[in-house]
Amino acid sequence: METIEKTQTAITDSELSEQIKAATKDSHVRAENTELMLSYQRGNVSLRQYQLLLCSLYKIYEALEEALDRNASHDAVAPIYFPQELARLESIEKDLKHFYGQNWKEKITVPAATLRYAQRLREVGRDHPEYLVAHAYTRYLGDLSGGQVLGRITQKSLGLKNGEGLSFFSFPGVSSPNLFKQLYRSRMNSIELTETQRNGVLQEAVTAFELNIQVFNELQDSVSCVSETENEMRQRHTQHKQNTTTTAGDEALQSSSSLMPRFLRTLLGVSVVLAVGMVYAF
């Protein structure tokens, strides 16, 4: 990480970082108060929640970092292009491999809201590279700020040891998150934009938060729906054991044949396999 410039201009309301902060204030509060994030703040993190979150983050960062790499020399992207310090894709892949095994790509599922987010990132990278400033700022600085707290909560809640499954939260190329964030904001504020472009970036920052909120809500719905189905299966199994006079083997067979199709329909209804992402214009 390069040395932070010693002389920095005092932050004013005209600087892009402050304008984005002001424009997204309400959306930021809404994102922090989604059911998923509130569960995190209370330390109520389930393994399924975290795994599904990683699946979504994989598709989001795949699209974001492809767009940043492709536009690395663009005037608006070059100043905030820090692949060695910030890139998350390899870290997420490592975490997914930890939880799903070597063939993790064949096992993970991604909600439709995540695919829409990824689609938007690719559209921006193609049509308005300067808007990537808003998305990179929203994601990376969030990871370096609140993301560090979420990492500690996740480790404690799930009992993950030696950092296994937590690579996403680790930034070995950033020795001081606070100093790096200062550098990042300074670089971002140095980007020259027309008034139209600046307004577009501010609106895109709001869009970025809205897309994140949609992802959080759909992930929570997915977890809740699957949990309800599992509870229903357990209850039905208990009722069968209490009320039926069939043998244990017959009971297991009946339970399996009657409940599994519904369980599979629930899973398919709340999330889509990665291959379904082909229906989106990536």
C-alpha atoms as a PDB file:
ATOM      1  CA  MET A   1       0.000   0.000   0.000  1.00  0.00           C
ATOM      2  CA  GLU A   2       1.470   3.301  -0.992  1.00  0.00           C
ATOM      3  CA  THR A   3       2.166   6.044   1.522  1.00  0.00           C
ATOM      4  CA  ILE A   4      -0.661   8.435   2.251  1.00  0.00           C
ATOM      5  CA  GLU A   5      -0.020  11.932   1.023  1.00  0.00           C
ATOM      6  CA  LYS A   6       1.118  14.123   3.928  1.00  0.00           C
ATOM      7  CA  THR A   7      -0.882  17.109   2.833  1.00  0.00           C
ATOM      8  CA  GLN A   8      -4.589  16.562   2.505  1.00  0.00           C
ATOM      9  CA  THR A   9      -7.203  19.144   1.720  1.00  0.00           C
ATOM     10  CA  ALA A  10      -9.762  19.647   4.459  1.00  0.00           C
ATOM     11  CA  ILE A  11     -12.982  17.823   3.672  1.00  0.00           C
ATOM     12  CA  THR A  12     -15.744  20.083   2.429  1.00  0.00           C
ATOM     13  CA  ASP A  13     -19.307  19.500   1.349  1.00  0.00           C
ATOM     14  CA  SER A  14     -18.165  19.757  -2.276  1.00  0.00           C
ATOM     15  CA  GLU A  15     -15.991  16.641  -2.029  1.00  0.00           C
ATOM     16  CA  LEU A  16     -17.362  13.518  -3.612  1.00  0.00           C
ATOM     17  CA  SER A  17     -16.926  11.277  -0.564  1.00  0.00           C
ATOM     18  CA  GLU A  18     -18.971  13.653   1.598  1.00  0.00           C
ATOM     19  CA  GLN A  19     -21.621  14.051  -1.064  1.00  0.00           C
ATOM     20  CA  ILE A  20     -22.020  10.290  -1.355  1.00  0.00           C
ATOM     21  CA  LYS A  21     -22.212   9.988   2.419  1.00  0.00           C
ATOM     22  CA  ALA A  22     -24.965  12.601   2.542  1.00  0.00           C
ATOM     23  CA  ALA A  23     -26.882  11.203  -0.432  1.00  0.00           C
ATOM     24  CA  THR A  24     -26.933   7.673   1.001  1.00  0.00           C
ATOM     25  CA  LYS A  25     -27.559   8.508   4.658  1.00  0.00           C
ATOM     26  CA  ASP A  26     -31.157   7.280   4.711  1.00  0.00           C
ATOM     27  CA  SER A  27     -30.393   4.210   2.605  1.00  0.00           C
ATOM     28  CA  HIS A  28     -27.464   3.377   4.871  1.00  0.00           C
ATOM     29  CA  VAL A  29     -29.722   3.406   7.929  1.00  0.00           C
ATOM     30  CA  ARG A  30     -32.259   1.193   6.148  1.00  0.00           C
ATOM     31  CA  ALA A  31     -29.550  -1.285   5.181  1.00  0.00           C
ATOM     32  CA  GLU A  32     -28.298  -1.520   8.752  1.00  0.00           C
ATOM     33  CA  ASN A  33     -31.855  -2.158   9.968  1.00  0.00           C
ATOM     34  CA  THR A  34     -32.728  -5.022   7.643  1.00  0.00           C
ATOM     35  CA  GLU A  35     -33.660  -8.183   9.511  1.00  0.00           C
ATOM     36  CA  LEU A  36     -30.472  -9.913   8.361  1.00  0.00           C
ATOM     37  CA  MET A  37     -28.190  -7.156   9.622  1.00  0.00           C
ATOM     38  CA  LEU A  38     -30.104  -6.851  12.890  1.00  0.00           C
ATOM     39  CA  SER A  39     -29.643 -10.580  13.416  1.00  0.00           C
ATOM     40  CA  TYR A  40     -25.936 -10.100  12.876  1.00  0.00           C
ATOM     41  CA  GLN A  41     -25.795  -7.240  15.352  1.00  0.00           C
ATOM     42  CA  ARG A  42     -27.493  -9.438  17.955  1.00  0.00           C
ATOM     43  CA  GLY A  43     -25.017 -12.211  17.282  1.00  0.00           C
ATOM     44  CA  ASN A  44     -27.758 -14.484  15.934  1.00  0.00           C
ATOM     45  CA  VAL A  45     -25.837 -15.767  12.922  1.00  0.00           C
ATOM     46  CA  SER A  46     -26.595 -19.226  11.583  1.00  0.00           C
ATOM     47  CA  LEU A  47     -24.286 -21.217   9.365  1.00  0.00           C
ATOM     48  CA  ARG A  48     -26.895 -21.167   6.602  1.00  0.00           C
ATOM     49  CA  GLN A  49     -27.144 -17.363   6.783  1.00  0.00           C
ATOM     50  CA  TYR A  50     -23.413 -16.988   6.429  1.00  0.00           C
ATOM     51  CA  GLN A  51     -23.115 -19.524   3.637  1.00  0.00           C
ATOM     52  CA  LEU A  52     -25.874 -17.858   1.607  1.00  0.00           C
ATOM     53  CA  LEU A  53     -24.294 -14.461   2.234  1.00  0.00           C
ATOM     54  CA  LEU A  54     -20.986 -15.753   0.888  1.00  0.00           C
ATOM     55  CA  CYS A  55     -22.740 -17.110  -2.193  1.00  0.00           C
ATOM     56  CA  SER A  56     -24.207 -13.674  -2.906  1.00  0.00           C
ATOM     57  CA  LEU A  57     -20.957 -11.874  -2.196  1.00  0.00           C
ATOM     58  CA  TYR A  58     -19.205 -14.154  -4.680  1.00  0.00           C
ATOM     59  CA  LYS A  59     -21.467 -13.106  -7.552  1.00  0.00           C
ATOM     60  CA  ILE A  60     -21.381  -9.435  -6.541  1.00  0.00           C
ATOM     61  CA  TYR A  61     -17.599  -9.230  -6.330  1.00  0.00           C
ATOM     62  CA  GLU A  62     -17.140 -11.321  -9.436  1.00  0.00           C
ATOM     63  CA  ALA A  63     -19.084  -8.704 -11.403  1.00  0.00           C
ATOM     64  CA  LEU A  64     -17.577  -5.696  -9.616  1.00  0.00           C
ATOM     65  CA  GLU A  65     -13.956  -6.771  -9.924  1.00  0.00           C
ATOM     66  CA  GLU A  66     -14.336  -7.827 -13.549  1.00  0.00           C
ATOM     67  CA  ALA A  67     -15.695  -4.345 -14.288  1.00  0.00           C
ATOM     68  CA  LEU A  68     -12.924  -2.629 -12.320  1.00  0.00           C
ATOM     69  CA  ASP A  69     -10.210  -4.690 -14.015  1.00  0.00           C
ATOM     70  CA  ARG A  70     -11.638  -3.946 -17.442  1.00  0.00           C
ATOM     71  CA  ASN A  71     -11.780  -0.219 -16.720  1.00  0.00           C
ATOM     72  CA  ALA A  72      -8.573   0.063 -14.673  1.00  0.00           C
ATOM     73  CA  SER A  73      -7.148   2.790 -16.932  1.00  0.00           C
ATOM     74  CA  HIS A  74     -10.350   4.861 -17.021  1.00  0.00           C
ATOM     75  CA  ASP A  75      -9.857   8.373 -15.623  1.00  0.00           C
ATOM     76  CA  ALA A  76     -12.507   7.861 -12.955  1.00  0.00           C
ATOM     77  CA  VAL A  77     -11.456   4.336 -11.988  1.00  0.00           C
ATOM     78  CA  ALA A  78      -7.651   4.489 -11.986  1.00  0.00           C
ATOM     79  CA  PRO A  79      -7.363   6.630  -8.813  1.00  0.00           C
ATOM     80  CA  ILE A  80      -9.427   4.160  -6.742  1.00  0.00           C
ATOM     81  CA  TYR A  81      -8.146   0.946  -8.325  1.00  0.00           C
ATOM     82  CA  PHE A  82      -6.433  -1.068  -5.550  1.00  0.00           C
ATOM     83  CA  PRO A  83      -6.631  -4.742  -6.554  1.00  0.00           C
ATOM     84  CA  GLN A  84      -3.727  -5.858  -4.339  1.00  0.00           C
ATOM     85  CA  GLU A  85      -5.206  -4.243  -1.256  1.00  0.00           C
ATOM     86  CA  LEU A  86      -8.935  -4.682  -1.757  1.00  0.00           C
ATOM     87  CA  ALA A  87      -9.825  -7.523  -4.161  1.00  0.00           C
ATOM     88  CA  ARG A  88     -12.208  -9.955  -2.441  1.00  0.00           C
ATOM     89  CA  LEU A  89     -13.022 -12.594  -5.031  1.00  0.00           C
ATOM     90  CA  GLU A  90     -10.198 -15.042  -4.246  1.00  0.00           C
ATOM     91  CA  SER A  91     -10.894 -14.741  -0.520  1.00  0.00           C
ATOM     92  CA  ILE A  92     -14.578 -15.532  -1.022  1.00  0.00           C
ATOM     93  CA  GLU A  93     -13.705 -18.513  -3.212  1.00  0.00           C
ATOM     94  CA  LYS A  94     -11.470 -19.817  -0.430  1.00  0.00           C
ATOM     95  CA  ASP A  95     -14.325 -19.512   2.079  1.00  0.00           C
ATOM     96  CA  LEU A  96     -16.801 -21.232  -0.238  1.00  0.00           C
ATOM     97  CA  LYS A  97     -14.341 -24.073  -0.774  1.00  0.00           C
ATOM     98  CA  HIS A  98     -14.074 -24.431   3.005  1.00  0.00           C
ATOM     99  CA  PHE A  99     -17.836 -24.810   3.438  1.00  0.00           C
ATOM    100  CA  TYR A 100     -18.856 -26.581   0.215  1.00  0.00           C
ATOM    101  CA  GLY A 101     -15.735 -28.489  -0.833  1.00  0.00           C
ATOM    102  CA  GLN A 102     -13.727 -28.525  -4.047  1.00  0.00           C
ATOM    103  CA  ASN A 103     -16.800 -28.596  -6.289  1.00  0.00           C
ATOM    104  CA  TRP A 104     -18.402 -25.616  -4.532  1.00  0.00           C
ATOM    105  CA  LYS A 105     -19.444 -23.970  -7.802  1.00  0.00           C
ATOM    106  CA  GLU A 106     -21.860 -26.831  -8.410  1.00  0.00           C
ATOM    107  CA  LYS A 107     -23.417 -26.569  -4.955  1.00  0.00           C
ATOM    108  CA  ILE A 108     -23.961 -22.901  -4.163  1.00  0.00           C
ATOM    109  CA  THR A 109     -27.242 -21.086  -4.710  1.00  0.00           C
ATOM    110  CA  VAL A 110     -27.798 -17.386  -5.352  1.00  0.00           C
ATOM    111  CA  PRO A 111     -31.009 -15.374  -4.848  1.00  0.00           C
ATOM    112  CA  ALA A 112     -32.447 -13.499  -7.813  1.00  0.00           C
ATOM    113  CA  ALA A 113     -31.781 -10.133  -6.120  1.00  0.00           C
ATOM    114  CA  THR A 114     -28.068 -10.917  -6.191  1.00  0.00           C
ATOM    115  CA  LEU A 115     -28.161 -11.691  -9.896  1.00  0.00           C
ATOM    116  CA  ARG A 116     -29.883  -8.352 -10.537  1.00  0.00           C
ATOM    117  CA  TYR A 117     -27.134  -6.621  -8.546  1.00  0.00           C
ATOM    118  CA  ALA A 118     -24.440  -8.357 -10.611  1.00  0.00           C
ATOM    119  CA  GLN A 119     -26.266  -7.463 -13.800  1.00  0.00           C
ATOM    120  CA  ARG A 120     -26.294  -3.788 -12.802  1.00  0.00           C
ATOM    121  CA  LEU A 121     -22.558  -3.851 -12.092  1.00  0.00           C
ATOM    122  CA  ARG A 122     -21.848  -5.233 -15.548  1.00  0.00           C
ATOM    123  CA  GLU A 123     -24.099  -2.643 -17.161  1.00  0.00           C
ATOM    124  CA  VAL A 124     -22.279   0.141 -15.315  1.00  0.00           C
ATOM    125  CA  GLY A 125     -18.870  -1.243 -16.269  1.00  0.00           C
ATOM    126  CA  ARG A 126     -19.937  -1.264 -19.898  1.00  0.00           C
ATOM    127  CA  ASP A 127     -21.901   1.987 -20.185  1.00  0.00           C
ATOM    128  CA  HIS A 128     -20.836   4.280 -17.317  1.00  0.00           C
ATOM    129  CA  PRO A 129     -17.456   3.270 -15.842  1.00  0.00           C
ATOM    130  CA  GLU A 130     -17.417   6.386 -13.665  1.00  0.00           C
ATOM    131  CA  TYR A 131     -20.381   4.936 -11.731  1.00  0.00           C
ATOM    132  CA  LEU A 132     -18.095   2.152 -10.527  1.00  0.00           C
ATOM    133  CA  VAL A 133     -16.728   4.726  -8.092  1.00  0.00           C
ATOM    134  CA  ALA A 134     -20.034   4.585  -6.222  1.00  0.00           C
ATOM    135  CA  HIS A 135     -20.168   0.793  -6.104  1.00  0.00           C
ATOM    136  CA  ALA A 136     -16.524   0.340  -5.122  1.00  0.00           C
ATOM    137  CA  TYR A 137     -16.847   2.961  -2.378  1.00  0.00           C
ATOM    138  CA  THR A 138     -20.016   1.362  -1.015  1.00  0.00           C
ATOM    139  CA  ARG A 139     -18.634  -2.168  -0.963  1.00  0.00           C
ATOM    140  CA  TYR A 140     -14.945  -1.846  -0.111  1.00  0.00           C
ATOM    141  CA  LEU A 141     -15.136   0.886   2.492  1.00  0.00           C
ATOM    142  CA  GLY A 142     -18.043  -0.939   4.058  1.00  0.00           C
ATOM    143  CA  ASP A 143     -15.903  -4.073   4.232  1.00  0.00           C
ATOM    144  CA  LEU A 144     -13.099  -2.132   5.879  1.00  0.00           C
ATOM    145  CA  SER A 145     -15.478  -0.564   8.405  1.00  0.00           C
ATOM    146  CA  GLY A 146     -18.502  -2.460   9.671  1.00  0.00           C
ATOM    147  CA  GLY A 147     -17.372  -5.576   7.857  1.00  0.00           C
ATOM    148  CA  GLN A 148     -14.615  -6.077  10.399  1.00  0.00           C
ATOM    149  CA  VAL A 149     -17.169  -6.125  13.211  1.00  0.00           C
ATOM    150  CA  LEU A 150     -19.311  -8.621  11.286  1.00  0.00           C
ATOM    151  CA  GLY A 151     -16.264 -10.824  10.868  1.00  0.00           C
ATOM    152  CA  ARG A 152     -15.705 -11.038  14.618  1.00  0.00           C
ATOM    153  CA  ILE A 153     -19.403 -11.706  15.226  1.00  0.00           C
ATOM    154  CA  THR A 154     -19.413 -14.462  12.609  1.00  0.00           C
ATOM    155  CA  GLN A 155     -16.339 -16.126  14.080  1.00  0.00           C
ATOM    156  CA  LYS A 156     -17.800 -16.109  17.582  1.00  0.00           C
ATOM    157  CA  SER A 157     -21.316 -17.157  16.576  1.00  0.00           C
ATOM    158  CA  LEU A 158     -20.234 -20.061  14.388  1.00  0.00           C
ATOM    159  CA  GLY A 159     -17.189 -21.090  16.412  1.00  0.00           C
ATOM    160  CA  LEU A 160     -14.892 -20.799  13.403  1.00  0.00           C
ATOM    161  CA  LYS A 161     -11.269 -21.290  14.403  1.00  0.00           C
ATOM    162  CA  ASN A 162      -7.947 -20.221  12.889  1.00  0.00           C
ATOM    163  CA  GLY A 163      -9.716 -17.901  10.455  1.00  0.00           C
ATOM    164  CA  GLU A 164     -11.133 -20.819   8.458  1.00  0.00           C
ATOM    165  CA  GLY A 165     -14.146 -19.675   6.445  1.00  0.00           C
ATOM    166  CA  LEU A 166     -13.445 -16.026   7.307  1.00  0.00           C
ATOM    167  CA  SER A 167     -11.023 -14.993   4.559  1.00  0.00           C
ATOM    168  CA  PHE A 168     -13.521 -12.477   3.192  1.00  0.00           C
ATOM    169  CA  PHE A 169     -13.029 -10.271   6.227  1.00  0.00           C
ATOM    170  CA  SER A 170      -9.220 -10.345   6.071  1.00  0.00           C
ATOM    171  CA  PHE A 171      -7.233  -7.628   4.252  1.00  0.00           C
ATOM    172  CA  PRO A 172      -3.562  -8.658   4.507  1.00  0.00           C
ATOM    173  CA  GLY A 173      -2.560  -5.867   2.103  1.00  0.00           C
ATOM    174  CA  VAL A 174      -4.022  -3.170   4.363  1.00  0.00           C
ATOM    175  CA  SER A 175      -1.946  -2.587   7.480  1.00  0.00           C
ATOM    176  CA  SER A 176      -4.191   0.180   8.807  1.00  0.00           C
ATOM    177  CA  PRO A 177      -7.846   0.260   7.691  1.00  0.00           C
ATOM    178  CA  ASN A 178      -8.331   3.808   8.979  1.00  0.00           C
ATOM    179  CA  LEU A 179      -5.306   5.210   7.166  1.00  0.00           C
ATOM    180  CA  PHE A 180      -6.220   3.340   4.017  1.00  0.00           C
ATOM    181  CA  LYS A 181      -9.743   4.719   4.088  1.00  0.00           C
ATOM    182  CA  GLN A 182      -8.280   8.224   4.299  1.00  0.00           C
ATOM    183  CA  LEU A 183      -6.137   7.504   1.256  1.00  0.00           C
ATOM    184  CA  TYR A 184      -9.075   6.036  -0.614  1.00  0.00           C
ATOM    185  CA  ARG A 185     -11.321   9.034   0.060  1.00  0.00           C
ATOM    186  CA  SER A 186      -8.524  11.398  -0.931  1.00  0.00           C
ATOM    187  CA  ARG A 187      -8.063   9.576  -4.220  1.00  0.00           C
ATOM    188  CA  MET A 188     -11.801   9.497  -4.845  1.00  0.00           C
ATOM    189  CA  ASN A 189     -12.118  13.211  -4.165  1.00  0.00           C
ATOM    190  CA  SER A 190      -9.413  13.905  -6.743  1.00  0.00           C
ATOM    191  CA  ILE A 191     -11.466  12.412  -9.585  1.00  0.00           C
ATOM    192  CA  GLU A 192     -12.603  15.038 -12.068  1.00  0.00           C
ATOM    193  CA  LEU A 193     -16.243  14.707 -13.048  1.00  0.00           C
ATOM    194  CA  THR A 194     -18.673  16.888 -14.936  1.00  0.00           C
ATOM    195  CA  GLU A 195     -21.754  17.996 -13.046  1.00  0.00           C
ATOM    196  CA  THR A 196     -23.822  15.433 -14.929  1.00  0.00           C
ATOM    197  CA  GLN A 197     -21.370  12.653 -14.151  1.00  0.00           C
ATOM    198  CA  ARG A 198     -21.195  13.626 -10.479  1.00  0.00           C
ATOM    199  CA  ASN A 199     -24.969  13.576 -10.170  1.00  0.00           C
ATOM    200  CA  GLY A 200     -24.980  10.181 -11.846  1.00  0.00           C
ATOM    201  CA  VAL A 201     -22.421   8.838  -9.374  1.00  0.00           C
ATOM    202  CA  LEU A 202     -24.475  10.097  -6.428  1.00  0.00           C
ATOM    203  CA  GLN A 203     -27.621   8.472  -7.768  1.00  0.00           C
ATOM    204  CA  GLU A 204     -25.718   5.250  -8.407  1.00  0.00           C
ATOM    205  CA  ALA A 205     -24.532   5.234  -4.794  1.00  0.00           C
ATOM    206  CA  VAL A 206     -28.169   5.271  -3.685  1.00  0.00           C
ATOM    207  CA  THR A 207     -28.888   2.484  -6.166  1.00  0.00           C
ATOM    208  CA  ALA A 208     -25.990   0.457  -4.736  1.00  0.00           C
ATOM    209  CA  PHE A 209     -27.476   0.627  -1.252  1.00  0.00           C
ATOM    210  CA  GLU A 210     -30.927  -0.276  -2.548  1.00  0.00           C
ATOM    211  CA  LEU A 211     -29.503  -3.311  -4.329  1.00  0.00           C
ATOM    212  CA  ASN A 212     -27.771  -4.394  -1.138  1.00  0.00           C
ATOM    213  CA  ILE A 213     -31.011  -4.014   0.821  1.00  0.00           C
ATOM    214  CA  GLN A 214     -32.830  -6.205  -1.698  1.00  0.00           C
ATOM    215  CA  VAL A 215     -30.109  -8.851  -1.383  1.00  0.00           C
ATOM    216  CA  PHE A 216     -30.251  -8.788   2.442  1.00  0.00           C
ATOM    217  CA  ASN A 217     -34.043  -9.101   2.446  1.00  0.00           C
ATOM    218  CA  GLU A 218     -34.096 -11.985  -0.013  1.00  0.00           C
ATOM    219  CA  LEU A 219     -31.365 -13.832   1.840  1.00  0.00           C
ATOM    220  CA  GLN A 220     -33.316 -13.506   5.084  1.00  0.00           C
ATOM    221  CA  ASP A 221     -36.514 -14.678   3.397  1.00  0.00           C
ATOM    222  CA  SER A 222     -34.651 -17.694   2.014  1.00  0.00           C
ATOM    223  CA  VAL A 223     -33.291 -18.653   5.411  1.00  0.00           C
ATOM    224  CA  SER A 224     -36.635 -18.125   7.148  1.00  0.00           C
ATOM    225  CA  CYS A 225     -38.557 -20.144   4.572  1.00  0.00           C
ATOM    226  CA  VAL A 226     -36.164 -23.094   4.689  1.00  0.00           C
ATOM    227  CA  SER A 227     -36.121 -22.987   8.511  1.00  0.00           C
ATOM    228  CA  GLU A 228     -39.920 -23.074   8.636  1.00  0.00           C
ATOM    229  CA  THR A 229     -39.938 -26.061   6.296  1.00  0.00           C
ATOM    230  CA  GLU A 230     -37.410 -27.915   8.419  1.00  0.00           C
ATOM    231  CA  ASN A 231     -39.470 -27.202  11.552  1.00  0.00           C
ATOM    232  CA  GLU A 232     -42.574 -28.483   9.814  1.00  0.00           C
ATOM    233  CA  MET A 233     -40.736 -31.647   8.807  1.00  0.00           C
ATOM    234  CA  ARG A 234     -39.630 -32.246  12.384  1.00  0.00           C
ATOM    235  CA  GLN A 235     -43.147 -31.679  13.703  1.00  0.00           C
ATOM    236  CA  ARG A 236     -44.673 -34.054  11.187  1.00  0.00           C
ATOM    237  CA  HIS A 237     -42.046 -36.650  11.966  1.00  0.00           C
ATOM    238  CA  THR A 238     -42.874 -36.386  15.679  1.00  0.00           C
ATOM    239  CA  GLN A 239     -46.588 -36.710  14.986  1.00  0.00           C
ATOM    240  CA  HIS A 240     -45.972 -39.793  12.878  1.00  0.00           C
ATOM    241  CA  LYS A 241     -44.000 -41.394  15.680  1.00  0.00           C
ATOM    242  CA  GLN A 242     -46.788 -40.665  18.172  1.00  0.00           C
ATOM    243  CA  ASN A 243     -49.829 -41.561  16.091  1.00  0.00           C
ATOM    244  CA  THR A 244     -48.867 -44.254  13.629  1.00  0.00           C
ATOM    245  CA  THR A 245     -48.767 -47.968  14.305  1.00  0.00           C
ATOM    246  CA  THR A 246     -46.528 -48.759  11.382  1.00  0.00           C
ATOM    247  CA  THR A 247     -43.025 -50.022  11.873  1.00  0.00           C
ATOM    248  CA  ALA A 248     -40.133 -47.578  12.146  1.00  0.00           C
ATOM    249  CA  GLY A 249     -39.002 -48.516   8.655  1.00  0.00           C
ATOM    250  CA  ASP A 250     -42.451 -47.904   7.126  1.00  0.00           C
ATOM    251  CA  GLU A 251     -42.742 -44.617   8.994  1.00  0.00           C
ATOM    252  CA  ALA A 252     -39.405 -43.337   7.659  1.00  0.00           C
ATOM    253  CA  LEU A 253     -40.391 -44.278   4.128  1.00  0.00           C
ATOM    254  CA  GLN A 254     -43.756 -42.495   4.352  1.00  0.00           C
ATOM    255  CA  SER A 255     -42.195 -39.376   5.870  1.00  0.00           C
ATOM    256  CA  SER A 256     -39.535 -39.227   3.198  1.00  0.00           C
ATOM    257  CA  SER A 257     -41.923 -39.690   0.264  1.00  0.00           C
ATOM    258  CA  SER A 258     -44.445 -37.117   1.483  1.00  0.00           C
ATOM    259  CA  LEU A 259     -42.141 -34.392   2.727  1.00  0.00           C
ATOM    260  CA  MET A 260     -39.115 -34.315   0.445  1.00  0.00           C
ATOM    261  CA  PRO A 261     -40.895 -32.983  -2.685  1.00  0.00           C
ATOM    262  CA  ARG A 262     -42.252 -30.041  -0.694  1.00  0.00           C
ATOM    263  CA  PHE A 263     -38.849 -29.343   0.817  1.00  0.00           C
ATOM    264  CA  LEU A 264     -37.245 -29.329  -2.630  1.00  0.00           C
ATOM    265  CA  ARG A 265     -39.942 -27.032  -4.002  1.00  0.00           C
ATOM    266  CA  THR A 266     -39.275 -24.609  -1.154  1.00  0.00           C
ATOM    267  CA  LEU A 267     -35.553 -24.529  -1.862  1.00  0.00           C
ATOM    268  CA  LEU A 268     -36.132 -23.963  -5.562  1.00  0.00           C
ATOM    269  CA  GLY A 269     -38.664 -21.252  -4.877  1.00  0.00           C
ATOM    270  CA  VAL A 270     -36.486 -19.105  -2.650  1.00  0.00           C
ATOM    271  CA  SER A 271     -33.215 -19.323  -4.546  1.00  0.00           C
ATOM    272  CA  VAL A 272     -31.876 -20.148  -7.978  1.00  0.00           C
ATOM    273  CA  VAL A 273     -28.921 -22.261  -9.002  1.00  0.00           C
ATOM    274  CA  LEU A 274     -26.077 -20.274 -10.521  1.00  0.00           C
ATOM    275  CA  ALA A 275     -26.793 -21.664 -13.974  1.00  0.00           C
ATOM    276  CA  VAL A 276     -30.132 -19.856 -13.990  1.00  0.00           C
ATOM    277  CA  GLY A 277     -28.146 -16.629 -14.037  1.00  0.00           C
ATOM    278  CA  MET A 278     -27.828 -17.171 -17.790  1.00  0.00           C
ATOM    279  CA  VAL A 279     -31.312 -15.695 -18.234  1.00  0.00           C
ATOM    280  CA  TYR A 280     -29.876 -12.327 -17.244  1.00  0.00           C
ATOM    281  CA  ALA A 281     -28.180 -10.192 -19.875  1.00  0.00           C
ATOM    282  CA  PHE A 282     -24.673 -10.437 -18.457  1.00  0.00           C
END
